[in-house]
Amino acid sequence: MSSTDARQAVPAQRGRRAVRVILAVLVVLALIVVGFLVWAKTVMQGERPASLEAWTDERVSIESYDDSVVMAPVDGATDRGLVFIPGARVDPYGYLAKLVDVVAETGTTVVVTKPVLNLAFFDQRPLQTFTRHAPDVSEWYVGGHSLGGVRACMMAADGEVAGVVFFGSYCANDLSASGLAVLSISGSDDGLSTPGKIEGAAHLLPADATFVEIEGANHASFGDYGVQPGDGVATASDRAVRDEIARALSEFWGVQEE
């Protein structure tokens, strides 16, 4: 091979290597994307008996849409509504049983969202996407569990709601000067949104925020979807947690017991 041919061969070899590197990078990226999508789509399923208990509760009506599940009281409906955002990769239906008493006992319409890719941070749809399913409601609150609560806090900053409700969650943005009504319900044995983390983020909420800690509840106690990795061990029963959630929200909204 002449020196001229050798000089011409070097760029060609470099070009082929560059193509191979680019193809390898693209394959790796494709595998990462596919792996992420599979992970995101693998949700922690709602426990069927608990979900069926809510669906068959004659005190409420339940309607499922592409973007959310709406629970409304059959009798005694108020003009108050709550848009509730699930935790990361948790089946939205896994929250119905824990919220059914809230709906029935406070007259509040609850809209449980179905987040994009089952992750609240990827769901940038406006609040109206969900509130439109309950046109008779005029006063809206936004809330959520775990990552859903963090997203709810971000949505509340837009000033379209009356307040925020956290289930085992806390704010990542500052609402301290918002004037919003805030209720934080947490668990004493939560291994993810620990009491320490909730206390550490309390300065981001208004000074008059209400904090309720349920003794014996862990992170997964706020839904019915099984054991969650990294969580503490719950000693409170599902029934006790459900009662405490309904009581806390009744007091927060000033609902008088009959």
Protein backbone atom coordinates (compact mmCIF):
# COMPACT_ATOMS: atom_id res chain seq x y z
CA MET A 1 0.00 0.00 0.00
CA SER A 2 1.36 3.39 -1.00
CA SER A 3 1.73 6.20 1.49
CA THR A 4 -1.16 8.00 -0.25
CA ASP A 5 -3.46 5.01 0.13
CA ALA A 6 -2.47 4.69 3.80
CA ARG A 7 -3.32 8.32 4.45
CA GLN A 8 -6.72 7.86 2.81
CA ALA A 9 -7.44 4.68 4.80
CA VAL A 10 -6.91 6.33 8.21
CA PRO A 11 -9.91 8.73 8.01
CA ALA A 12 -12.10 5.90 6.69
CA GLN A 13 -11.15 3.67 9.63
CA ARG A 14 -11.77 6.53 12.06
CA GLY A 15 -15.14 7.16 10.44
CA ARG A 16 -16.18 3.52 10.83
CA ARG A 17 -15.08 3.52 14.49
CA ALA A 18 -17.06 6.71 15.11
CA VAL A 19 -20.15 5.13 13.54
CA ARG A 20 -19.74 2.03 15.70
CA VAL A 21 -19.37 4.18 18.84
CA ILE A 22 -22.47 6.22 17.95
CA LEU A 23 -24.48 3.06 17.28
CA ALA A 24 -23.34 1.57 20.58
CA VAL A 25 -24.35 4.73 22.44
CA LEU A 26 -27.74 4.74 20.73
CA VAL A 27 -28.32 1.09 21.64
CA VAL A 28 -27.42 1.79 25.29
CA LEU A 29 -29.73 4.81 25.38
CA ALA A 30 -32.55 2.79 23.81
CA LEU A 31 -32.09 0.06 26.44
CA ILE A 32 -32.15 2.67 29.21
CA VAL A 33 -35.35 4.21 27.84
CA VAL A 34 -37.03 0.82 27.43
CA GLY A 35 -35.92 -0.22 30.90
CA PHE A 36 -37.27 3.02 32.39
CA LEU A 37 -40.61 2.64 30.63
CA VAL A 38 -40.96 -0.94 31.82
CA TRP A 39 -40.08 0.16 35.38
CA ALA A 40 -42.54 3.09 35.28
CA LYS A 41 -45.33 0.90 33.92
CA THR A 42 -44.81 -1.72 36.63
CA VAL A 43 -47.06 -0.25 39.30
CA MET A 44 -47.65 -1.35 42.86
CA GLN A 45 -51.12 -2.76 42.37
CA GLY A 46 -54.05 -1.79 44.51
CA GLU A 47 -55.33 -4.59 46.71
CA ARG A 48 -58.49 -5.92 45.10
CA PRO A 49 -60.58 -6.49 48.26
CA ALA A 50 -59.99 -2.92 49.46
CA SER A 51 -60.78 -1.47 46.06
CA LEU A 52 -63.96 -3.52 45.78
CA GLU A 53 -65.03 -2.33 49.21
CA ALA A 54 -64.95 1.25 47.92
CA TRP A 55 -66.68 0.38 44.64
CA THR A 56 -69.54 -1.32 46.47
CA ASP A 57 -69.95 1.37 49.14
CA GLU A 58 -73.48 2.70 48.63
CA ARG A 59 -72.59 6.06 50.18
CA VAL A 60 -70.47 7.07 47.19
CA SER A 61 -70.50 6.96 43.41
CA ILE A 62 -67.32 6.15 41.48
CA GLU A 63 -66.63 7.05 37.88
CA SER A 64 -63.43 6.11 36.05
CA TYR A 65 -61.97 8.28 33.27
CA ASP A 66 -58.81 8.04 31.19
CA ASP A 67 -57.05 10.59 33.39
CA SER A 68 -58.62 10.03 36.82
CA VAL A 69 -61.07 8.26 39.11
CA VAL A 70 -63.83 10.41 40.63
CA MET A 71 -65.51 9.55 43.94
CA ALA A 72 -68.51 11.68 44.88
CA PRO A 73 -70.92 11.48 47.82
CA VAL A 74 -74.39 10.16 47.00
CA ASP A 75 -75.94 12.41 49.66
CA GLY A 76 -74.79 15.62 51.31
CA ALA A 77 -72.41 16.78 48.62
CA THR A 78 -70.69 20.11 49.26
CA ASP A 79 -69.01 22.51 46.85
CA ARG A 80 -65.60 21.24 48.03
CA GLY A 81 -63.30 18.98 46.05
CA LEU A 82 -59.89 17.37 46.42
CA VAL A 83 -57.59 16.47 43.54
CA PHE A 84 -55.45 13.66 44.94
CA ILE A 85 -52.18 12.63 43.25
CA PRO A 86 -50.85 9.07 43.84
CA GLY A 87 -47.34 8.24 44.92
CA ALA A 88 -44.75 7.07 42.40
CA ARG A 89 -45.79 3.89 40.57
CA VAL A 90 -48.76 3.31 42.86
CA ASP A 91 -52.05 2.19 41.35
CA PRO A 92 -54.58 5.06 41.69
CA TYR A 93 -57.23 2.53 42.69
CA GLY A 94 -55.08 1.65 45.67
CA TYR A 95 -56.26 4.84 47.41
CA LEU A 96 -60.02 4.46 47.06
CA ALA A 97 -60.61 2.53 50.28
CA LYS A 98 -58.58 4.99 52.35
CA LEU A 99 -60.53 7.94 50.91
CA VAL A 100 -64.06 6.58 50.74
CA ASP A 101 -64.94 7.69 54.29
CA VAL A 102 -63.59 11.15 53.55
CA VAL A 103 -66.00 11.42 50.63
CA ALA A 104 -69.00 10.01 52.49
CA GLU A 105 -68.47 11.80 55.80
CA THR A 106 -67.34 15.25 54.65
CA GLY A 107 -69.34 15.57 51.41
CA THR A 108 -66.12 16.16 49.48
CA THR A 109 -65.68 15.03 45.89
CA VAL A 110 -62.28 13.37 45.45
CA VAL A 111 -60.57 13.07 42.08
CA VAL A 112 -57.68 10.59 42.13
CA THR A 113 -55.42 11.31 39.17
CA LYS A 114 -53.82 8.76 36.85
CA PRO A 115 -50.35 10.29 36.41
CA VAL A 116 -48.46 10.13 33.13
CA LEU A 117 -46.06 7.15 33.27
CA ASN A 118 -47.34 6.57 36.82
CA LEU A 119 -44.98 9.32 38.03
CA ALA A 120 -46.34 12.64 39.27
CA PHE A 121 -43.31 14.65 38.11
CA PHE A 122 -43.97 13.68 34.50
CA ASP A 123 -47.57 14.80 34.71
CA GLN A 124 -47.63 18.46 33.72
CA ARG A 125 -51.33 18.59 32.94
CA PRO A 126 -53.10 21.55 34.56
CA LEU A 127 -55.49 21.17 37.47
CA GLN A 128 -58.46 21.78 35.16
CA THR A 129 -57.74 18.44 33.48
CA PHE A 130 -59.13 16.79 36.61
CA THR A 131 -61.51 19.36 38.10
CA ARG A 132 -63.58 19.41 34.90
CA HIS A 133 -65.02 16.04 35.91
CA ALA A 134 -66.80 17.71 38.85
CA PRO A 135 -68.24 20.97 37.46
CA ASP A 136 -70.44 21.58 40.52
CA VAL A 137 -67.42 21.91 42.81
CA SER A 138 -66.28 25.50 43.33
CA GLU A 139 -63.63 25.17 46.06
CA TRP A 140 -60.71 22.90 45.26
CA TYR A 141 -57.88 21.48 47.33
CA VAL A 142 -54.94 19.58 45.92
CA GLY A 143 -53.03 16.87 47.70
CA GLY A 144 -51.28 13.59 47.37
CA HIS A 145 -49.25 10.78 48.79
CA SER A 146 -45.45 10.69 48.76
CA LEU A 147 -44.19 12.04 45.40
CA GLY A 148 -47.78 12.96 44.61
CA GLY A 149 -47.78 15.36 47.54
CA VAL A 150 -44.60 17.01 46.29
CA ARG A 151 -46.26 17.53 42.91
CA ALA A 152 -49.42 18.83 44.62
CA CYS A 153 -47.33 21.43 46.42
CA MET A 154 -45.96 22.61 43.08
CA MET A 155 -49.47 22.85 41.61
CA ALA A 156 -50.68 24.78 44.65
CA ALA A 157 -48.13 27.49 43.95
CA ASP A 158 -50.22 28.53 40.93
CA GLY A 159 -52.81 29.94 43.34
CA GLU A 160 -55.85 28.10 41.94
CA VAL A 161 -56.66 26.13 45.10
CA ALA A 162 -57.80 26.83 48.64
CA GLY A 163 -55.33 24.50 50.27
CA VAL A 164 -53.07 21.46 50.24
CA VAL A 165 -53.34 18.05 51.90
CA PHE A 166 -50.30 15.80 52.36
CA PHE A 167 -50.41 12.05 52.98
CA GLY A 168 -46.94 10.93 54.06
CA SER A 169 -45.36 13.75 52.07
CA TYR A 170 -43.99 17.29 52.20
CA CYS A 171 -43.20 20.34 50.09
CA ALA A 172 -40.07 20.85 48.00
CA ASN A 173 -41.04 24.44 47.07
CA ASP A 174 -41.84 27.33 49.40
CA LEU A 175 -45.51 27.91 50.25
CA SER A 176 -44.82 29.65 53.55
CA ALA A 177 -46.24 32.99 52.38
CA SER A 178 -49.05 31.55 50.26
CA GLY A 179 -51.85 31.90 52.82
CA LEU A 180 -53.11 28.45 51.84
CA ALA A 181 -54.78 26.10 54.31
CA VAL A 182 -52.46 23.10 54.75
CA LEU A 183 -52.92 19.72 56.41
CA SER A 184 -50.05 17.27 56.74
CA ILE A 185 -51.00 13.71 57.75
CA SER A 186 -48.01 11.47 58.42
CA GLY A 187 -47.12 8.15 59.98
CA SER A 188 -44.92 7.63 63.02
CA ASP A 189 -43.30 4.57 61.39
CA ASP A 190 -42.93 5.93 57.85
CA GLY A 191 -39.55 4.78 56.56
CA LEU A 192 -39.62 7.00 53.45
CA SER A 193 -41.29 10.29 54.35
CA THR A 194 -39.91 10.01 57.85
CA PRO A 195 -41.04 12.24 60.73
CA GLY A 196 -37.62 13.89 60.53
CA LYS A 197 -38.03 14.76 56.83
CA ILE A 198 -41.52 16.17 57.40
CA GLU A 199 -40.28 18.28 60.31
CA GLY A 200 -37.31 19.42 58.24
CA ALA A 201 -39.58 20.71 55.45
CA ALA A 202 -42.17 22.30 57.75
CA HIS A 203 -40.67 25.77 57.27
CA LEU A 204 -41.81 25.66 53.63
CA LEU A 205 -45.46 25.63 54.75
CA PRO A 206 -47.57 28.44 56.26
CA ALA A 207 -47.04 28.94 59.97
CA ASP A 208 -50.61 27.83 60.74
CA ALA A 209 -50.31 24.51 58.87
CA THR A 210 -51.90 21.58 60.72
CA PHE A 211 -49.78 18.49 61.41
CA VAL A 212 -51.32 15.13 62.32
CA GLU A 213 -49.13 12.10 62.95
CA ILE A 214 -50.87 8.72 62.96
CA GLU A 215 -49.26 6.46 65.53
CA GLY A 216 -48.21 3.13 64.04
CA ALA A 217 -48.75 4.10 60.40
CA ASN A 218 -46.03 3.64 57.80
CA HIS A 219 -45.65 4.98 54.26
CA ALA A 220 -47.82 2.32 52.62
CA SER A 221 -50.54 2.77 55.24
CA PHE A 222 -51.94 5.70 53.25
CA GLY A 223 -53.01 3.38 50.45
CA ASP A 224 -53.82 -0.28 49.95
CA TYR A 225 -51.11 -1.58 47.63
CA GLY A 226 -48.93 -3.90 49.70
CA VAL A 227 -45.44 -3.57 51.13
CA GLN A 228 -43.15 -0.82 49.82
CA PRO A 229 -39.34 -1.26 49.80
CA GLY A 230 -37.54 0.84 52.40
CA ASP A 231 -40.65 1.43 54.46
CA GLY A 232 -41.04 0.96 58.19
CA VAL A 233 -43.28 -1.66 59.76
CA ALA A 234 -46.87 -0.57 60.39
CA THR A 235 -48.50 -1.49 63.68
CA ALA A 236 -51.73 0.45 63.08
CA SER A 237 -54.51 -1.43 61.27
CA ASP A 238 -55.84 -0.30 57.90
CA ARG A 239 -59.16 0.45 59.57
CA ALA A 240 -57.51 2.64 62.22
CA VAL A 241 -55.55 4.59 59.61
CA ARG A 242 -58.66 5.05 57.48
CA ASP A 243 -60.56 6.39 60.50
CA GLU A 244 -57.74 8.77 61.42
CA ILE A 245 -57.53 10.12 57.87
CA ALA A 246 -61.28 10.82 57.82
CA ARG A 247 -61.14 12.40 61.28
CA ALA A 248 -58.19 14.64 60.40
CA LEU A 249 -59.83 15.91 57.22
CA SER A 250 -63.20 16.42 58.93
CA GLU A 251 -61.55 18.60 61.56
CA PHE A 252 -59.45 20.40 58.95
CA TRP A 253 -62.55 21.30 56.94
CA GLY A 254 -64.64 22.02 60.02
CA VAL A 255 -67.16 19.27 59.33
CA GLN A 256 -69.46 18.72 62.28
CA GLU A 257 -70.03 15.14 63.36
CA GLU A 258 -73.65 14.05 63.32
